[in-house]
């Protein structure tokens, strides 16, 4: 089982956040580093840095580690722009970027910024449309331009997609992604019918947003069924789990026990979600008292 850490860029100054990631770059126990995609804190009031810009600025601190968002909210950006942004990250990180996507859920920030907070089925339909757009722009033909005499760039070549509410007309993504087929897409959908179908159809990974081991197993069974219906080997889906870890020693002890159990239940990649206000010292405690003992026990 691979191990990662996650810092929500909320209620923390930039110097502290940067110091956490700098320390993470010195630790070999974490395979990956993550942040979230919100405009407001997810649990009340306070300061919050925007997630994509934050990750782009922190990425150089963790060389060699996989990085990404768990997860980006599809309604916040046009998927064509997301494909272009993900391509930059793919090149800048030498293929270490994971494009985590979800349907969006945090109503207060969406209302505050004038984004429609549509019912879940509608947001899932938009997410699927966005996935079609992104995957099309990750294809090699999206990086080609017409040769002399073939017509204008708005008339031939590129990719065209009609996926309401989105539409591409001979759209380009040049340069193409460094990673063939584009950065791996992980979905944070939790629904057992539509959500798991989207994972089985479009994604390289699935993220369980948190809960008990029993809840995880139930969701995993739904993913098994969705992959079987899609004719896909479920082992080709990387299954990740987020686990919040408080600042106290009892929280770290509970996280270690959870890690043992979730590994047995089928987790491929466990991400410890820490409070960034604990600073680099909090990350060090997480590494020493949770991640390293767990890696030693699992033989990683």
Protein backbone atom coordinates (compact mmCIF):
# COMPACT_ATOMS: atom_id res chain seq x y z
CA UNK A 1 0.00 0.00 0.00
CA UNK A 2 1.31 3.44 -0.98
CA UNK A 3 1.15 6.31 1.51
CA UNK A 4 0.55 10.02 1.08
CA UNK A 5 -0.23 13.15 3.05
CA UNK A 6 -2.74 15.92 2.38
CA UNK A 7 -2.83 19.53 3.57
CA UNK A 8 -5.94 21.64 3.17
CA UNK A 9 -4.66 25.18 2.50
CA UNK A 10 -7.09 26.71 5.00
CA UNK A 11 -6.50 28.73 8.20
CA UNK A 12 -2.74 28.61 7.69
CA UNK A 13 -0.19 31.17 6.49
CA UNK A 14 1.77 30.47 3.34
CA UNK A 15 5.14 30.18 5.08
CA UNK A 16 3.86 27.34 7.27
CA UNK A 17 2.26 25.51 4.36
CA UNK A 18 5.43 25.87 2.30
CA UNK A 19 7.54 24.60 5.21
CA UNK A 20 5.37 21.48 5.54
CA UNK A 21 5.87 20.59 1.90
CA UNK A 22 9.58 21.36 2.09
CA UNK A 23 9.89 18.92 4.99
CA UNK A 24 7.84 16.34 3.07
CA UNK A 25 10.37 16.52 0.26
CA UNK A 26 13.03 15.34 2.72
CA UNK A 27 11.00 12.35 3.91
CA UNK A 28 11.06 9.10 1.98
CA UNK A 29 8.08 7.57 3.77
CA UNK A 30 5.43 9.42 1.73
CA UNK A 31 4.83 8.47 -1.89
CA UNK A 32 2.42 11.28 -2.64
CA UNK A 33 1.34 14.80 -1.64
CA UNK A 34 -2.14 16.31 -2.01
CA UNK A 35 -4.29 19.34 -1.39
CA UNK A 36 -7.97 20.21 -1.91
CA UNK A 37 -9.98 22.47 -4.23
CA UNK A 38 -12.09 24.94 -2.28
CA UNK A 39 -12.58 28.69 -2.08
CA UNK A 40 -13.87 28.65 1.50
CA UNK A 41 -12.83 26.33 4.35
CA UNK A 42 -14.98 23.23 4.31
CA UNK A 43 -15.82 23.33 8.03
CA UNK A 44 -16.63 26.94 8.88
CA UNK A 45 -15.19 30.40 8.38
CA UNK A 46 -11.61 31.46 7.80
CA UNK A 47 -8.86 32.02 5.29
CA UNK A 48 -8.35 29.63 2.38
CA UNK A 49 -5.83 29.61 -0.48
CA UNK A 50 -7.07 28.54 -3.92
CA UNK A 51 -6.13 24.93 -4.53
CA UNK A 52 -4.73 24.77 -8.05
CA UNK A 53 -2.41 27.75 -7.69
CA UNK A 54 -1.29 26.46 -4.29
CA UNK A 55 -0.38 23.04 -5.68
CA UNK A 56 1.48 24.52 -8.64
CA UNK A 57 3.63 26.59 -6.27
CA UNK A 58 4.23 23.72 -3.83
CA UNK A 59 5.00 21.01 -6.40
CA UNK A 60 8.73 21.72 -6.55
CA UNK A 61 9.01 21.00 -2.81
CA UNK A 62 8.26 17.28 -3.24
CA UNK A 63 10.46 16.01 -6.09
CA UNK A 64 9.78 12.43 -7.07
CA UNK A 65 6.40 12.25 -5.32
CA UNK A 66 3.03 11.92 -6.98
CA UNK A 67 0.92 15.05 -6.49
CA UNK A 68 -2.66 16.13 -7.08
CA UNK A 69 -5.96 17.37 -5.68
CA UNK A 70 -8.45 15.22 -3.83
CA UNK A 71 -10.43 16.38 -5.65
CA UNK A 72 -11.06 19.25 -8.08
CA UNK A 73 -14.66 20.43 -8.38
CA UNK A 74 -15.83 20.17 -11.98
CA UNK A 75 -18.19 23.20 -11.79
CA UNK A 76 -15.36 25.59 -10.87
CA UNK A 77 -13.54 25.52 -14.24
CA UNK A 78 -14.32 24.76 -17.85
CA UNK A 79 -13.00 21.24 -18.55
CA UNK A 80 -11.13 22.48 -21.61
CA UNK A 81 -9.17 24.82 -19.37
CA UNK A 82 -8.67 21.98 -16.86
CA UNK A 83 -7.17 19.82 -19.62
CA UNK A 84 -4.73 22.59 -20.51
CA UNK A 85 -3.81 23.19 -16.86
CA UNK A 86 -3.34 19.48 -16.24
CA UNK A 87 -1.07 19.25 -19.27
CA UNK A 88 1.18 21.97 -17.84
CA UNK A 89 1.36 20.12 -14.52
CA UNK A 90 2.09 16.86 -16.35
CA UNK A 91 5.10 18.44 -18.06
CA UNK A 92 6.28 20.44 -15.04
CA UNK A 93 6.23 17.40 -12.73
CA UNK A 94 7.70 14.96 -15.24
CA UNK A 95 4.51 12.88 -15.24
CA UNK A 96 3.83 12.86 -11.48
CA UNK A 97 0.55 14.80 -11.58
CA UNK A 98 -2.78 13.06 -10.93
CA UNK A 99 -5.95 14.79 -12.14
CA UNK A 100 -8.44 14.24 -9.33
CA UNK A 101 -12.00 15.24 -10.22
CA UNK A 102 -15.39 15.32 -8.56
CA UNK A 103 -18.85 16.77 -9.09
CA UNK A 104 -18.51 19.50 -6.42
CA UNK A 105 -20.41 19.53 -3.14
CA UNK A 106 -19.65 22.58 -0.97
CA UNK A 107 -22.80 24.65 -1.33
CA UNK A 108 -21.75 27.78 0.65
CA UNK A 109 -18.86 28.68 -1.62
CA UNK A 110 -20.77 27.85 -4.79
CA UNK A 111 -23.67 30.08 -3.75
CA UNK A 112 -21.32 32.87 -2.67
CA UNK A 113 -19.56 32.90 -6.04
CA UNK A 114 -22.73 32.70 -8.11
CA UNK A 115 -22.25 29.12 -9.25
CA UNK A 116 -25.48 27.14 -9.62
CA UNK A 117 -25.74 24.42 -6.99
CA UNK A 118 -27.62 21.93 -9.11
CA UNK A 119 -29.00 18.62 -7.83
CA UNK A 120 -26.53 15.73 -7.65
CA UNK A 121 -27.78 13.95 -10.81
CA UNK A 122 -27.25 17.14 -12.82
CA UNK A 123 -23.77 17.68 -11.42
CA UNK A 124 -22.87 14.09 -12.24
CA UNK A 125 -24.06 14.52 -15.82
CA UNK A 126 -21.91 17.63 -16.10
CA UNK A 127 -18.95 15.74 -14.63
CA UNK A 128 -19.32 13.02 -17.25
CA UNK A 129 -19.51 15.64 -19.99
CA UNK A 130 -16.38 17.26 -18.57
CA UNK A 131 -14.58 13.93 -18.56
CA UNK A 132 -15.39 13.45 -22.23
CA UNK A 133 -13.95 16.88 -23.04
CA UNK A 134 -10.79 16.33 -21.00
CA UNK A 135 -10.11 12.88 -22.38
CA UNK A 136 -10.56 14.16 -25.94
CA UNK A 137 -8.04 16.94 -25.36
CA UNK A 138 -5.55 14.44 -23.96
CA UNK A 139 -5.50 12.54 -27.27
CA UNK A 140 -2.63 13.05 -29.78
CA UNK A 141 -4.92 14.48 -32.47
CA UNK A 142 -5.73 17.40 -30.16
CA UNK A 143 -2.12 18.53 -30.49
CA UNK A 144 -2.08 18.70 -34.31
CA UNK A 145 -2.59 21.70 -36.58
CA UNK A 146 -3.60 21.61 -40.27
CA UNK A 147 -0.86 21.40 -42.84
CA UNK A 148 -0.53 24.01 -45.54
CA UNK A 149 -3.49 23.92 -47.88
CA UNK A 150 -5.71 21.87 -45.56
CA UNK A 151 -7.81 24.78 -44.34
CA UNK A 152 -7.84 26.96 -41.28
CA UNK A 153 -7.34 25.72 -37.74
CA UNK A 154 -11.03 26.31 -37.02
CA UNK A 155 -12.09 24.15 -39.94
CA UNK A 156 -10.10 20.92 -39.78
CA UNK A 157 -8.11 18.87 -37.30
CA UNK A 158 -8.01 19.09 -33.54
CA UNK A 159 -10.87 17.53 -31.64
CA UNK A 160 -14.59 18.29 -31.73
CA UNK A 161 -16.85 17.17 -28.91
CA UNK A 162 -20.53 17.85 -28.30
CA UNK A 163 -21.04 17.10 -24.61
CA UNK A 164 -23.65 19.51 -23.30
CA UNK A 165 -23.18 21.94 -21.70
CA UNK A 166 -19.67 21.84 -23.22
CA UNK A 167 -18.70 21.93 -26.88
CA UNK A 168 -15.34 21.77 -28.62
CA UNK A 169 -14.91 22.77 -32.27
CA UNK A 170 -11.53 21.71 -33.67
CA UNK A 171 -9.94 22.46 -30.31
CA UNK A 172 -6.22 22.02 -29.74
CA UNK A 173 -4.13 21.03 -26.76
CA UNK A 174 -0.60 21.72 -27.95
CA UNK A 175 1.77 20.69 -26.51
CA UNK A 176 0.19 17.33 -25.91
CA UNK A 177 0.50 15.80 -22.44
CA UNK A 178 3.87 14.31 -21.59
CA UNK A 179 2.10 11.18 -20.32
CA UNK A 180 0.52 9.18 -23.18
CA UNK A 181 -3.23 9.57 -22.89
CA UNK A 182 -2.78 12.37 -20.36
CA UNK A 183 -2.30 12.42 -16.59
CA UNK A 184 -4.15 9.63 -14.77
CA UNK A 185 -7.67 10.66 -13.76
CA UNK A 186 -8.93 9.77 -10.30
CA UNK A 187 -12.57 10.34 -9.42
CA UNK A 188 -13.92 11.20 -5.98
CA UNK A 189 -17.47 10.09 -6.77
CA UNK A 190 -19.09 8.13 -3.95
CA UNK A 191 -22.43 7.09 -5.45
CA UNK A 192 -22.78 3.36 -5.88
CA UNK A 193 -24.61 3.47 -9.19
CA UNK A 194 -23.68 6.49 -11.32
CA UNK A 195 -20.50 7.42 -9.47
CA UNK A 196 -18.95 3.97 -9.74
CA UNK A 197 -20.01 3.68 -13.36
CA UNK A 198 -18.05 6.85 -14.10
CA UNK A 199 -14.99 5.41 -12.36
CA UNK A 200 -15.24 2.15 -14.29
CA UNK A 201 -15.69 4.00 -17.59
CA UNK A 202 -13.30 6.95 -17.36
CA UNK A 203 -10.87 6.74 -14.47
CA UNK A 204 -7.52 5.25 -13.56
CA UNK A 205 -8.27 5.60 -9.85
CA UNK A 206 -11.00 6.10 -7.27
CA UNK A 207 -10.80 8.02 -4.01
CA UNK A 208 -12.89 7.07 -0.98
CA UNK A 209 -13.43 10.40 0.73
CA UNK A 210 -13.43 8.90 4.23
CA UNK A 211 -15.42 6.70 6.56
CA UNK A 212 -15.33 3.37 8.30
CA UNK A 213 -13.67 0.27 6.93
CA UNK A 214 -17.11 -1.31 6.60
CA UNK A 215 -18.36 1.63 4.52
CA UNK A 216 -15.26 1.39 2.35
CA UNK A 217 -15.82 -2.31 1.75
CA UNK A 218 -19.43 -1.64 0.76
CA UNK A 219 -18.34 0.99 -1.77
CA UNK A 220 -15.63 -1.30 -3.08
CA UNK A 221 -18.20 -3.99 -3.76
CA UNK A 222 -20.18 -1.45 -5.79
CA UNK A 223 -17.04 -0.59 -7.75
CA UNK A 224 -16.48 -4.30 -8.40
CA UNK A 225 -19.97 -4.55 -9.88
CA UNK A 226 -19.50 -1.44 -12.01
CA UNK A 227 -16.21 -2.71 -13.42
CA UNK A 228 -17.74 -6.09 -14.17
CA UNK A 229 -20.61 -4.40 -16.03
CA UNK A 230 -18.10 -2.31 -18.00
CA UNK A 231 -15.99 -5.36 -18.84
CA UNK A 232 -13.04 -3.96 -16.93
CA UNK A 233 -10.61 -5.65 -14.57
CA UNK A 234 -11.12 -3.87 -11.25
CA UNK A 235 -7.47 -4.34 -10.37
CA UNK A 236 -6.68 -1.71 -13.03
CA UNK A 237 -8.37 0.93 -10.82
CA UNK A 238 -6.08 2.36 -8.14
CA UNK A 239 -8.15 2.58 -4.95
CA UNK A 240 -7.22 5.36 -2.55
CA UNK A 241 -8.61 6.33 0.84
CA UNK A 242 -8.43 9.58 2.80
CA UNK A 243 -8.08 9.49 6.58
CA UNK A 244 -8.19 12.63 8.73
CA UNK A 245 -5.60 12.69 11.49
CA UNK A 246 -5.94 15.01 14.48
CA UNK A 247 -3.08 16.64 16.34
CA UNK A 248 -3.03 14.38 19.43
CA UNK A 249 -1.13 11.13 20.04
CA UNK A 250 -4.42 9.25 20.37
CA UNK A 251 -5.38 10.47 16.87
CA UNK A 252 -2.15 9.15 15.42
CA UNK A 253 -2.60 5.82 17.19
CA UNK A 254 -6.11 5.52 15.75
CA UNK A 255 -4.81 6.39 12.28
CA UNK A 256 -2.20 3.64 12.50
CA UNK A 257 -4.85 1.08 13.45
CA UNK A 258 -7.09 2.31 10.63
CA UNK A 259 -4.21 1.94 8.18
CA UNK A 260 -3.74 -1.69 9.09
CA UNK A 261 -7.45 -2.43 8.66
CA UNK A 262 -7.93 -0.49 5.43
CA UNK A 263 -4.94 -2.20 3.86
CA UNK A 264 -6.52 -5.59 4.54
CA UNK A 265 -9.80 -4.31 3.11
CA UNK A 266 -8.27 -3.54 -0.29
CA UNK A 267 -6.85 -0.01 -0.18
CA UNK A 268 -3.98 0.59 -2.61
CA UNK A 269 -3.09 4.13 -1.55
CA UNK A 270 -3.79 5.66 1.87
CA UNK A 271 -3.64 9.45 2.23
CA UNK A 272 -3.37 10.97 5.71
CA UNK A 273 -5.24 14.28 5.87
CA UNK A 274 -3.43 16.47 8.41
CA UNK A 275 -4.20 19.88 9.90
CA UNK A 276 -1.61 22.26 8.38
CA UNK A 277 -1.65 24.43 11.50
CA UNK A 278 0.49 21.75 13.15
CA UNK A 279 3.27 22.76 10.74
CA UNK A 280 6.27 20.68 9.66
CA UNK A 281 6.47 19.27 13.18
CA UNK A 282 3.00 17.81 12.76
CA UNK A 283 4.06 16.20 9.50
CA UNK A 284 7.13 14.76 11.19
CA UNK A 285 4.99 13.20 13.93
CA UNK A 286 2.68 11.77 11.28
CA UNK A 287 5.68 10.27 9.51
CA UNK A 288 7.33 8.89 12.66
CA UNK A 289 4.29 7.57 14.53
CA UNK A 290 1.95 6.53 11.71
CA UNK A 291 3.41 6.30 8.22
CA UNK A 292 6.74 4.69 9.01
CA UNK A 293 5.41 2.05 11.44
CA UNK A 294 2.66 1.22 8.96
CA UNK A 295 5.13 0.90 6.10
CA UNK A 296 7.37 -1.32 8.23
CA UNK A 297 4.43 -3.58 9.16
CA UNK A 298 3.22 -3.86 5.57
CA UNK A 299 6.70 -4.49 4.22
CA UNK A 300 6.72 -1.44 1.96
